[in-house]
Each structure stands twice: as structure tokens, then as C-alpha cells.
N, C-alpha and C. Protein backbone atom coordinates (compact mmCIF):
# COMPACT_ATOMS: atom_id res chain seq x y z
N MET A 1 -138.89 -1.55 -232.49
CA MET A 1 -139.52 -1.36 -231.20
C MET A 1 -140.45 -0.14 -231.21
N ILE A 2 -140.00 0.96 -231.83
CA ILE A 2 -140.82 2.17 -231.90
C ILE A 2 -142.06 1.90 -232.75
N GLU A 3 -141.91 1.15 -233.81
CA GLU A 3 -143.03 0.81 -234.68
C GLU A 3 -144.08 0.01 -233.90
N PHE A 4 -143.65 -0.92 -233.04
CA PHE A 4 -144.55 -1.72 -232.22
C PHE A 4 -145.33 -0.82 -231.25
N LEU A 5 -144.63 0.13 -230.58
CA LEU A 5 -145.28 1.04 -229.65
C LEU A 5 -146.28 1.95 -230.35
N MET A 6 -145.95 2.40 -231.55
CA MET A 6 -146.86 3.25 -232.30
C MET A 6 -148.13 2.49 -232.69
N LYS A 7 -147.97 1.24 -233.09
CA LYS A 7 -149.14 0.41 -233.41
C LYS A 7 -150.01 0.21 -232.17
N ARG A 8 -149.37 -0.01 -231.04
CA ARG A 8 -150.11 -0.24 -229.80
C ARG A 8 -150.87 1.02 -229.37
N VAL A 9 -150.22 2.17 -229.43
CA VAL A 9 -150.86 3.44 -229.08
C VAL A 9 -152.00 3.73 -230.04
N LEU A 10 -151.80 3.47 -231.33
CA LEU A 10 -152.86 3.67 -232.32
C LEU A 10 -154.05 2.76 -232.01
N MET A 11 -153.80 1.52 -231.63
CA MET A 11 -154.89 0.58 -231.28
C MET A 11 -155.67 1.08 -230.06
N ILE A 12 -154.97 1.59 -229.07
CA ILE A 12 -155.63 2.07 -227.85
C ILE A 12 -156.48 3.29 -228.18
N VAL A 13 -155.95 4.23 -228.97
CA VAL A 13 -156.69 5.43 -229.35
C VAL A 13 -157.94 5.05 -230.15
N LEU A 14 -157.80 4.13 -231.10
CA LEU A 14 -158.95 3.69 -231.89
C LEU A 14 -159.99 2.98 -231.02
N SER A 15 -159.54 2.19 -230.06
CA SER A 15 -160.47 1.49 -229.17
C SER A 15 -161.26 2.48 -228.32
N VAL A 16 -160.58 3.50 -227.78
CA VAL A 16 -161.26 4.50 -226.97
C VAL A 16 -162.25 5.28 -227.83
N ALA A 17 -161.86 5.64 -229.06
CA ALA A 17 -162.76 6.37 -229.95
C ALA A 17 -163.98 5.52 -230.31
N LEU A 18 -163.77 4.24 -230.60
CA LEU A 18 -164.88 3.34 -230.92
C LEU A 18 -165.81 3.18 -229.73
N PHE A 19 -165.25 2.98 -228.54
CA PHE A 19 -166.06 2.83 -227.33
C PHE A 19 -166.88 4.10 -227.06
N SER A 20 -166.24 5.27 -227.22
CA SER A 20 -166.94 6.53 -226.98
C SER A 20 -168.09 6.72 -227.96
N SER A 21 -167.86 6.42 -229.23
CA SER A 21 -168.94 6.58 -230.21
C SER A 21 -170.06 5.56 -229.96
N LEU A 22 -169.72 4.35 -229.57
CA LEU A 22 -170.72 3.34 -229.24
C LEU A 22 -171.55 3.79 -228.03
N PHE A 23 -170.89 4.35 -227.02
CA PHE A 23 -171.57 4.85 -225.84
C PHE A 23 -172.56 5.95 -226.20
N LEU A 24 -172.14 6.88 -227.05
CA LEU A 24 -173.01 7.98 -227.44
C LEU A 24 -174.21 7.50 -228.25
N MET A 25 -174.03 6.46 -229.05
CA MET A 25 -175.13 5.95 -229.87
C MET A 25 -176.13 5.17 -229.04
N LEU A 26 -175.69 4.48 -227.99
CA LEU A 26 -176.57 3.59 -227.24
C LEU A 26 -177.14 4.19 -225.97
N ARG A 27 -176.76 5.38 -225.61
CA ARG A 27 -177.26 5.93 -224.36
C ARG A 27 -178.78 6.09 -224.43
N THR A 28 -179.43 5.96 -223.27
CA THR A 28 -180.89 5.91 -223.23
C THR A 28 -181.54 7.24 -222.94
N GLY A 29 -180.80 8.24 -222.54
CA GLY A 29 -181.40 9.52 -222.20
C GLY A 29 -181.79 9.61 -220.74
N ARG A 30 -181.48 8.60 -219.95
CA ARG A 30 -181.83 8.63 -218.53
C ARG A 30 -181.06 9.70 -217.77
N GLU A 31 -179.93 10.09 -218.30
CA GLU A 31 -179.13 11.08 -217.61
C GLU A 31 -179.60 12.50 -217.86
N LEU A 32 -180.62 12.68 -218.69
CA LEU A 32 -181.15 14.01 -218.93
C LEU A 32 -181.90 14.48 -217.70
N THR A 33 -181.72 15.73 -217.34
CA THR A 33 -182.41 16.27 -216.17
C THR A 33 -183.28 17.44 -216.59
N GLY A 34 -184.16 17.85 -215.70
CA GLY A 34 -185.03 18.99 -215.98
C GLY A 34 -186.47 18.55 -216.13
N ASP A 35 -187.33 19.52 -216.23
CA ASP A 35 -188.76 19.26 -216.38
C ASP A 35 -189.10 18.91 -217.82
N ILE A 36 -190.09 18.06 -217.98
CA ILE A 36 -190.60 17.75 -219.30
C ILE A 36 -191.59 18.84 -219.67
N GLN A 37 -191.39 19.49 -220.78
CA GLN A 37 -192.28 20.55 -221.22
C GLN A 37 -193.28 19.96 -222.21
N ILE A 38 -194.54 20.05 -221.88
CA ILE A 38 -195.59 19.50 -222.72
C ILE A 38 -196.23 20.64 -223.50
N LYS A 39 -196.24 20.53 -224.80
CA LYS A 39 -196.81 21.57 -225.67
C LYS A 39 -198.06 21.02 -226.35
N GLY A 40 -199.13 21.80 -226.33
CA GLY A 40 -200.35 21.41 -227.02
C GLY A 40 -200.95 20.15 -226.45
N GLY A 41 -201.57 19.35 -227.29
CA GLY A 41 -202.17 18.09 -226.89
C GLY A 41 -201.17 16.96 -227.09
N SER A 42 -200.46 16.59 -226.05
CA SER A 42 -199.46 15.53 -226.13
C SER A 42 -199.97 14.27 -225.46
N PHE A 43 -199.38 13.13 -225.81
CA PHE A 43 -199.74 11.89 -225.15
C PHE A 43 -198.53 10.98 -225.06
N ILE A 44 -198.60 10.05 -224.11
CA ILE A 44 -197.58 9.03 -223.93
C ILE A 44 -198.30 7.70 -223.93
N GLU A 45 -197.73 6.71 -224.61
CA GLU A 45 -198.30 5.37 -224.63
C GLU A 45 -197.55 4.46 -223.67
N ASP A 46 -198.23 3.43 -223.18
CA ASP A 46 -197.66 2.44 -222.27
C ASP A 46 -197.02 3.10 -221.05
N VAL A 47 -197.84 3.78 -220.26
CA VAL A 47 -197.40 4.53 -219.09
C VAL A 47 -197.34 3.61 -217.88
N ARG A 48 -196.32 3.81 -217.05
CA ARG A 48 -196.19 3.08 -215.78
C ARG A 48 -195.75 4.07 -214.71
N ILE A 49 -196.58 4.21 -213.65
CA ILE A 49 -196.30 5.13 -212.56
C ILE A 49 -196.13 4.30 -211.29
N LEU A 50 -195.02 4.50 -210.60
CA LEU A 50 -194.75 3.80 -209.34
C LEU A 50 -194.80 4.79 -208.19
N GLN A 51 -195.41 4.41 -207.08
CA GLN A 51 -195.38 5.20 -205.86
C GLN A 51 -194.56 4.41 -204.85
N LYS A 52 -193.44 4.99 -204.42
CA LYS A 52 -192.57 4.30 -203.47
C LYS A 52 -192.44 5.09 -202.18
N LYS A 53 -192.19 4.37 -201.11
CA LYS A 53 -191.93 4.98 -199.81
C LYS A 53 -190.78 4.21 -199.18
N LYS A 54 -189.69 4.91 -198.92
CA LYS A 54 -188.47 4.31 -198.35
C LYS A 54 -187.99 3.13 -199.20
N GLY A 55 -188.07 3.27 -200.51
CA GLY A 55 -187.57 2.25 -201.42
C GLY A 55 -188.52 1.09 -201.68
N VAL A 56 -189.67 1.07 -201.02
CA VAL A 56 -190.64 -0.01 -201.17
C VAL A 56 -191.80 0.49 -202.03
N THR A 57 -192.16 -0.26 -203.06
CA THR A 57 -193.26 0.12 -203.95
C THR A 57 -194.59 -0.07 -203.23
N LEU A 58 -195.36 1.03 -203.13
CA LEU A 58 -196.69 0.97 -202.52
C LEU A 58 -197.74 0.57 -203.54
N TRP A 59 -197.67 1.18 -204.73
CA TRP A 59 -198.59 0.83 -205.80
C TRP A 59 -197.96 1.12 -207.14
N THR A 60 -198.50 0.44 -208.16
CA THR A 60 -198.06 0.62 -209.53
C THR A 60 -199.29 0.84 -210.39
N LEU A 61 -199.28 1.92 -211.16
CA LEU A 61 -200.38 2.22 -212.06
C LEU A 61 -199.86 2.11 -213.49
N THR A 62 -200.54 1.34 -214.32
CA THR A 62 -200.19 1.26 -215.74
C THR A 62 -201.40 1.67 -216.56
N ALA A 63 -201.13 2.26 -217.71
CA ALA A 63 -202.20 2.69 -218.61
C ALA A 63 -201.68 2.56 -220.04
N SER A 64 -202.58 2.27 -220.97
CA SER A 64 -202.17 2.14 -222.36
C SER A 64 -201.85 3.50 -222.97
N LYS A 65 -202.47 4.58 -222.43
CA LYS A 65 -202.24 5.91 -222.99
C LYS A 65 -202.51 6.97 -221.93
N ALA A 66 -201.71 8.04 -221.93
CA ALA A 66 -201.91 9.20 -221.07
C ALA A 66 -201.94 10.44 -221.94
N ASN A 67 -203.06 11.15 -221.95
CA ASN A 67 -203.20 12.40 -222.70
C ASN A 67 -202.96 13.58 -221.77
N PHE A 68 -202.12 14.52 -222.21
CA PHE A 68 -201.80 15.71 -221.43
C PHE A 68 -202.36 16.94 -222.14
N THR A 69 -202.82 17.90 -221.36
CA THR A 69 -203.29 19.17 -221.90
C THR A 69 -202.33 20.25 -221.44
N GLU A 70 -201.95 21.13 -222.35
CA GLU A 70 -201.00 22.19 -222.03
C GLU A 70 -201.50 23.04 -220.86
N GLY A 71 -200.62 23.31 -219.92
CA GLY A 71 -200.95 24.15 -218.78
C GLY A 71 -201.62 23.44 -217.62
N GLU A 72 -201.89 22.17 -217.75
CA GLU A 72 -202.52 21.41 -216.67
C GLU A 72 -201.55 20.37 -216.13
N ASP A 73 -201.75 19.99 -214.87
CA ASP A 73 -200.89 18.98 -214.26
C ASP A 73 -201.62 17.65 -214.11
N LYS A 74 -202.52 17.39 -215.05
CA LYS A 74 -203.31 16.15 -215.00
C LYS A 74 -203.13 15.38 -216.30
N ALA A 75 -203.23 14.06 -216.19
CA ALA A 75 -203.16 13.19 -217.35
C ALA A 75 -204.43 12.37 -217.42
N GLU A 76 -205.06 12.35 -218.59
CA GLU A 76 -206.23 11.51 -218.82
C GLU A 76 -205.73 10.13 -219.25
N LEU A 77 -206.03 9.12 -218.45
CA LEU A 77 -205.51 7.78 -218.68
C LEU A 77 -206.56 6.88 -219.33
N SER A 78 -206.09 5.93 -220.15
CA SER A 78 -206.97 4.95 -220.78
C SER A 78 -206.49 3.54 -220.46
N ASP A 79 -207.42 2.61 -220.32
CA ASP A 79 -207.13 1.20 -220.06
C ASP A 79 -206.19 1.06 -218.86
N ILE A 80 -206.73 1.32 -217.68
CA ILE A 80 -205.95 1.45 -216.46
C ILE A 80 -205.93 0.16 -215.64
N LYS A 81 -204.75 -0.12 -215.10
CA LYS A 81 -204.58 -1.22 -214.16
C LYS A 81 -203.72 -0.67 -213.02
N MET A 82 -204.22 -0.82 -211.79
CA MET A 82 -203.49 -0.32 -210.62
C MET A 82 -203.32 -1.45 -209.63
N MET A 83 -202.07 -1.73 -209.26
CA MET A 83 -201.75 -2.81 -208.33
C MET A 83 -201.33 -2.20 -207.00
N LEU A 84 -202.08 -2.51 -205.93
CA LEU A 84 -201.71 -2.09 -204.58
C LEU A 84 -200.92 -3.24 -203.96
N GLN A 85 -199.61 -3.11 -203.93
CA GLN A 85 -198.73 -4.22 -203.54
C GLN A 85 -198.96 -4.70 -202.11
N LYS A 86 -199.23 -3.78 -201.19
CA LYS A 86 -199.35 -4.15 -199.77
C LYS A 86 -200.41 -5.22 -199.54
N ASN A 87 -201.57 -5.07 -200.18
CA ASN A 87 -202.65 -6.03 -199.95
C ASN A 87 -203.02 -6.86 -201.17
N GLY A 88 -202.25 -6.76 -202.25
CA GLY A 88 -202.47 -7.60 -203.41
C GLY A 88 -203.75 -7.31 -204.19
N VAL A 89 -204.25 -6.09 -204.10
CA VAL A 89 -205.46 -5.71 -204.81
C VAL A 89 -205.09 -5.16 -206.20
N ILE A 90 -205.83 -5.59 -207.22
CA ILE A 90 -205.63 -5.10 -208.57
C ILE A 90 -206.91 -4.41 -209.02
N LEU A 91 -206.79 -3.12 -209.39
CA LEU A 91 -207.92 -2.33 -209.87
C LEU A 91 -207.87 -2.24 -211.39
N HIS A 92 -209.04 -2.31 -212.04
CA HIS A 92 -209.15 -2.13 -213.49
C HIS A 92 -210.20 -1.06 -213.75
N ALA A 93 -209.88 -0.15 -214.69
CA ALA A 93 -210.84 0.87 -215.10
C ALA A 93 -210.57 1.22 -216.55
N GLY A 94 -211.61 1.62 -217.26
CA GLY A 94 -211.47 1.99 -218.67
C GLY A 94 -210.78 3.32 -218.87
N LYS A 95 -211.07 4.29 -217.98
CA LYS A 95 -210.45 5.60 -218.09
C LYS A 95 -210.41 6.25 -216.72
N GLY A 96 -209.56 7.28 -216.58
CA GLY A 96 -209.44 8.00 -215.32
C GLY A 96 -208.49 9.16 -215.46
N ILE A 97 -208.32 9.90 -214.38
CA ILE A 97 -207.44 11.07 -214.38
C ILE A 97 -206.44 10.92 -213.25
N TYR A 98 -205.15 11.10 -213.58
CA TYR A 98 -204.09 11.10 -212.59
C TYR A 98 -203.59 12.53 -212.44
N SER A 99 -203.64 13.06 -211.21
CA SER A 99 -203.15 14.41 -210.92
C SER A 99 -201.68 14.30 -210.53
N ILE A 100 -200.83 14.93 -211.32
CA ILE A 100 -199.40 14.84 -211.09
C ILE A 100 -199.00 15.60 -209.82
N SER A 101 -199.61 16.74 -209.55
CA SER A 101 -199.23 17.55 -208.39
C SER A 101 -199.63 16.91 -207.06
N ASP A 102 -200.89 16.44 -206.93
CA ASP A 102 -201.28 15.81 -205.66
C ASP A 102 -201.19 14.30 -205.69
N LYS A 103 -200.73 13.72 -206.78
CA LYS A 103 -200.54 12.27 -206.89
C LYS A 103 -201.80 11.52 -206.48
N SER A 104 -202.92 11.94 -207.07
CA SER A 104 -204.19 11.27 -206.80
C SER A 104 -204.76 10.72 -208.10
N PHE A 105 -205.63 9.75 -207.96
CA PHE A 105 -206.24 9.08 -209.10
C PHE A 105 -207.75 9.12 -208.94
N THR A 106 -208.46 9.52 -210.01
CA THR A 106 -209.92 9.61 -210.01
C THR A 106 -210.46 8.99 -211.29
N THR A 107 -211.56 8.27 -211.17
CA THR A 107 -212.21 7.75 -212.36
C THR A 107 -213.72 7.84 -212.20
N ASP A 108 -214.39 8.15 -213.31
CA ASP A 108 -215.85 8.18 -213.32
C ASP A 108 -216.41 6.98 -214.07
N SER A 109 -215.55 6.07 -214.48
CA SER A 109 -216.01 4.86 -215.16
C SER A 109 -216.04 3.71 -214.15
N VAL A 110 -216.64 2.60 -214.55
CA VAL A 110 -216.77 1.43 -213.68
C VAL A 110 -215.38 0.91 -213.32
N VAL A 111 -215.20 0.62 -212.03
CA VAL A 111 -213.94 0.12 -211.51
C VAL A 111 -214.17 -1.26 -210.93
N GLU A 112 -213.31 -2.18 -211.29
CA GLU A 112 -213.34 -3.52 -210.68
C GLU A 112 -212.03 -3.73 -209.95
N ALA A 113 -212.13 -4.16 -208.70
CA ALA A 113 -210.96 -4.45 -207.89
C ALA A 113 -211.06 -5.89 -207.41
N ALA A 114 -209.95 -6.59 -207.43
CA ALA A 114 -209.98 -7.98 -207.01
C ALA A 114 -208.73 -8.32 -206.20
N SER A 115 -208.93 -9.17 -205.23
CA SER A 115 -207.82 -9.76 -204.47
C SER A 115 -208.14 -11.25 -204.36
N LYS A 116 -207.35 -11.97 -203.60
CA LYS A 116 -207.60 -13.41 -203.50
C LYS A 116 -208.87 -13.74 -202.72
N ASP A 117 -209.35 -12.81 -201.86
CA ASP A 117 -210.50 -13.10 -201.01
C ASP A 117 -211.79 -12.41 -201.40
N TYR A 118 -211.72 -11.35 -202.21
CA TYR A 118 -212.93 -10.61 -202.53
C TYR A 118 -212.80 -9.89 -203.86
N LYS A 119 -213.98 -9.41 -204.34
CA LYS A 119 -214.05 -8.62 -205.56
C LYS A 119 -214.95 -7.42 -205.29
N ILE A 120 -214.51 -6.25 -205.72
CA ILE A 120 -215.27 -5.02 -205.53
C ILE A 120 -215.59 -4.42 -206.90
N THR A 121 -216.83 -4.00 -207.09
CA THR A 121 -217.23 -3.28 -208.31
C THR A 121 -217.85 -1.96 -207.87
N ALA A 122 -217.38 -0.86 -208.47
CA ALA A 122 -217.89 0.47 -208.11
C ALA A 122 -218.12 1.29 -209.36
N ASP A 123 -219.07 2.25 -209.26
CA ASP A 123 -219.37 3.15 -210.38
C ASP A 123 -218.23 4.13 -210.65
N SER A 124 -217.51 4.53 -209.60
CA SER A 124 -216.43 5.50 -209.72
C SER A 124 -215.48 5.31 -208.54
N LEU A 125 -214.37 6.07 -208.55
CA LEU A 125 -213.39 5.91 -207.48
C LEU A 125 -212.51 7.15 -207.38
N ASP A 126 -212.19 7.54 -206.15
CA ASP A 126 -211.20 8.59 -205.88
C ASP A 126 -210.18 7.99 -204.93
N TYR A 127 -208.90 8.03 -205.32
CA TYR A 127 -207.82 7.48 -204.49
C TYR A 127 -206.84 8.59 -204.15
N GLU A 128 -206.71 8.89 -202.86
CA GLU A 128 -205.78 9.91 -202.39
C GLU A 128 -204.52 9.22 -201.88
N VAL A 129 -203.43 9.44 -202.59
CA VAL A 129 -202.19 8.74 -202.28
C VAL A 129 -201.65 9.12 -200.90
N SER A 130 -201.67 10.40 -200.55
CA SER A 130 -201.07 10.86 -199.30
C SER A 130 -201.69 10.18 -198.07
N SER A 131 -202.99 10.01 -198.08
CA SER A 131 -203.67 9.39 -196.94
C SER A 131 -203.93 7.90 -197.14
N GLY A 132 -203.90 7.43 -198.39
CA GLY A 132 -204.22 6.04 -198.69
C GLY A 132 -205.71 5.77 -198.68
N GLU A 133 -206.52 6.83 -198.66
CA GLU A 133 -207.97 6.67 -198.59
C GLU A 133 -208.59 6.53 -199.98
N ILE A 134 -209.62 5.70 -200.05
CA ILE A 134 -210.38 5.49 -201.27
C ILE A 134 -211.83 5.87 -200.99
N HIS A 135 -212.43 6.64 -201.89
CA HIS A 135 -213.82 7.10 -201.72
C HIS A 135 -214.59 6.83 -203.00
N THR A 136 -215.88 6.61 -202.86
CA THR A 136 -216.81 6.60 -203.99
C THR A 136 -218.18 7.00 -203.48
N GLY A 137 -218.91 7.73 -204.29
CA GLY A 137 -220.26 8.13 -203.92
C GLY A 137 -221.31 7.30 -204.63
N GLY A 138 -220.88 6.49 -205.58
CA GLY A 138 -221.81 5.72 -206.40
C GLY A 138 -222.10 4.34 -205.85
N LYS A 139 -222.70 3.52 -206.70
CA LYS A 139 -223.06 2.15 -206.34
C LYS A 139 -221.80 1.31 -206.13
N ILE A 140 -221.84 0.45 -205.12
CA ILE A 140 -220.70 -0.40 -204.77
C ILE A 140 -221.18 -1.81 -204.45
N THR A 141 -220.43 -2.80 -204.91
CA THR A 141 -220.72 -4.20 -204.59
C THR A 141 -219.43 -4.86 -204.15
N VAL A 142 -219.48 -5.54 -203.01
CA VAL A 142 -218.33 -6.29 -202.50
C VAL A 142 -218.77 -7.75 -202.39
N GLU A 143 -218.05 -8.64 -203.08
CA GLU A 143 -218.37 -10.06 -203.06
C GLU A 143 -217.16 -10.85 -202.60
N GLY A 144 -217.43 -11.86 -201.77
CA GLY A 144 -216.38 -12.74 -201.30
C GLY A 144 -216.94 -14.13 -201.10
N LYS A 145 -216.12 -15.00 -200.53
CA LYS A 145 -216.58 -16.36 -200.26
C LYS A 145 -217.67 -16.32 -199.20
N GLY A 146 -218.87 -16.62 -199.60
CA GLY A 146 -219.99 -16.70 -198.67
C GLY A 146 -220.71 -15.40 -198.37
N PHE A 147 -220.39 -14.32 -199.05
CA PHE A 147 -221.11 -13.07 -198.78
C PHE A 147 -221.13 -12.15 -200.00
N LYS A 148 -222.11 -11.24 -199.95
CA LYS A 148 -222.22 -10.19 -200.95
C LYS A 148 -222.83 -8.97 -200.25
N VAL A 149 -222.16 -7.82 -200.36
CA VAL A 149 -222.63 -6.58 -199.75
C VAL A 149 -222.78 -5.55 -200.86
N GLU A 150 -223.96 -4.92 -200.91
CA GLU A 150 -224.23 -3.88 -201.90
C GLU A 150 -224.62 -2.61 -201.16
N GLY A 151 -224.38 -1.48 -201.80
CA GLY A 151 -224.76 -0.23 -201.19
C GLY A 151 -224.40 0.95 -202.08
N ARG A 152 -224.51 2.13 -201.49
CA ARG A 152 -224.19 3.36 -202.21
C ARG A 152 -223.20 4.14 -201.35
N GLY A 153 -222.05 4.46 -201.95
CA GLY A 153 -221.00 5.19 -201.25
C GLY A 153 -220.11 4.26 -200.45
N MET A 154 -218.81 4.52 -200.52
CA MET A 154 -217.85 3.71 -199.78
C MET A 154 -216.68 4.58 -199.36
N LYS A 155 -216.10 4.22 -198.24
CA LYS A 155 -214.89 4.88 -197.75
C LYS A 155 -213.98 3.78 -197.21
N ALA A 156 -212.72 3.79 -197.65
CA ALA A 156 -211.74 2.82 -197.16
C ALA A 156 -210.47 3.58 -196.79
N ASP A 157 -209.86 3.17 -195.67
CA ASP A 157 -208.63 3.84 -195.25
C ASP A 157 -207.42 2.97 -195.55
N ALA A 158 -206.25 3.46 -195.21
CA ALA A 158 -205.00 2.76 -195.51
C ALA A 158 -204.89 1.43 -194.77
N GLU A 159 -205.59 1.28 -193.65
CA GLU A 159 -205.55 0.03 -192.88
C GLU A 159 -206.59 -0.98 -193.36
N GLN A 160 -207.22 -0.71 -194.49
CA GLN A 160 -208.21 -1.57 -195.13
C GLN A 160 -209.52 -1.65 -194.36
N LYS A 161 -209.84 -0.64 -193.58
CA LYS A 161 -211.14 -0.56 -192.93
C LYS A 161 -212.10 0.03 -193.96
N VAL A 162 -213.10 -0.76 -194.35
CA VAL A 162 -214.03 -0.37 -195.41
C VAL A 162 -215.40 -0.11 -194.81
N SER A 163 -216.01 1.02 -195.20
CA SER A 163 -217.36 1.35 -194.74
C SER A 163 -218.24 1.61 -195.96
N ILE A 164 -219.37 0.89 -196.05
CA ILE A 164 -220.39 1.17 -197.06
C ILE A 164 -221.34 2.17 -196.39
N LEU A 165 -221.59 3.30 -197.05
CA LEU A 165 -222.23 4.43 -196.37
C LEU A 165 -223.76 4.43 -196.38
N ASN A 166 -224.42 4.05 -197.49
CA ASN A 166 -225.88 4.17 -197.57
C ASN A 166 -226.48 2.95 -198.28
N ASP A 167 -227.79 2.73 -198.04
CA ASP A 167 -228.57 1.68 -198.71
C ASP A 167 -227.86 0.33 -198.71
N VAL A 168 -227.38 -0.09 -197.56
CA VAL A 168 -226.60 -1.31 -197.46
C VAL A 168 -227.50 -2.54 -197.45
N LYS A 169 -227.14 -3.51 -198.29
CA LYS A 169 -227.84 -4.80 -198.35
C LYS A 169 -226.78 -5.88 -198.31
N ALA A 170 -226.86 -6.75 -197.31
CA ALA A 170 -225.86 -7.81 -197.16
C ALA A 170 -226.54 -9.17 -197.29
N THR A 171 -225.90 -10.05 -198.05
CA THR A 171 -226.39 -11.41 -198.24
C THR A 171 -225.26 -12.37 -197.87
N PHE A 172 -225.58 -13.36 -196.99
CA PHE A 172 -224.59 -14.33 -196.58
C PHE A 172 -225.03 -15.71 -197.05
N HIS A 173 -224.09 -16.47 -197.57
CA HIS A 173 -224.36 -17.82 -198.06
C HIS A 173 -223.68 -18.84 -197.17
N LYS A 174 -224.31 -20.01 -197.07
CA LYS A 174 -223.73 -21.09 -196.26
C LYS A 174 -222.68 -21.82 -197.02
């Protein structure tokens, strides 16, 4: 009887030891806390940034690469795709800068945005997360079913009110 109990206790101890070592080998590092310290010229590949409010995703930004410079709170992004979940708009840009401190996104390269009803092409874009406003000072084209609007400079607010600021040319098709 004692031999049986000793075998059983030994099995339990070995099982706990095996489980503990397996746990330590497979942990993902998600439980690590603290700030990430970036030294020199660092980069991260396949970046995904989510902006949530009350548990609901407002937008998702993905990039193939984010370059960080020591001492700065900005990341230079490459091959960018930004999805605005509320209105189903998807933005594409070759490169841009994401400011970590003010959570804003800026690009000086051509930006294409598309939804089910329209397509927007702009020379550049500034997106302020806190206000939900989008600005551009460059050339802008908005195309949809039966219309095309071109101009210079654009301002859009969180409620999707869009204003083309200068040199506006509108074409409507039947």
C-alpha cells in the first residue's frame, strides 16, 4: 500500500514539474510589463495598431515595417493600410509617420481611400485621432457613382462632413 502511494505521489510531482516546464517554455511574453526601450535605429515588421473606445475598435492601422529613432516618439511606417471601422473606409499609403504620443498619422505620399460608395485620392493626409479630423493641403479627387469632384485642400470631421477648400471642379454623370 505504501509503495502504491509513493508511486502516485511521484507521478503527481513529475506531472506538476513537466507542466511547469512546459508553461515556461511556451509563454508568449504578454505578461511582461513596462516601457519598451528603443536603442539606436530599431524597427518592427508586420505592425498592427488598434484604436479602441469603450471596447469598440475605431480604426486599425497595419504596416509592413515601422522604423523607430532613438529619443523620438514617432514611427516611420511603410506599406500602410488603415481601416476606419465605423464607415468602412480603407486607406492605402506607401509611407507615413505615426506619432505615438498624440496618436496621429501623417503621410506625404499619395493616399487612396475607398469605401463601397466612393474613392478618394489625395497627395497627402493628416489624421488627428482625438478629434477624428482629416486634413490635406494638396490635390484631392473624390469619385463616386455619377460624380467626380476635384480640388485642392480638404477637411473632414468625425461625422463624415467633407469640405474641398480651393479650386473645386465638380462633374456629374447621368
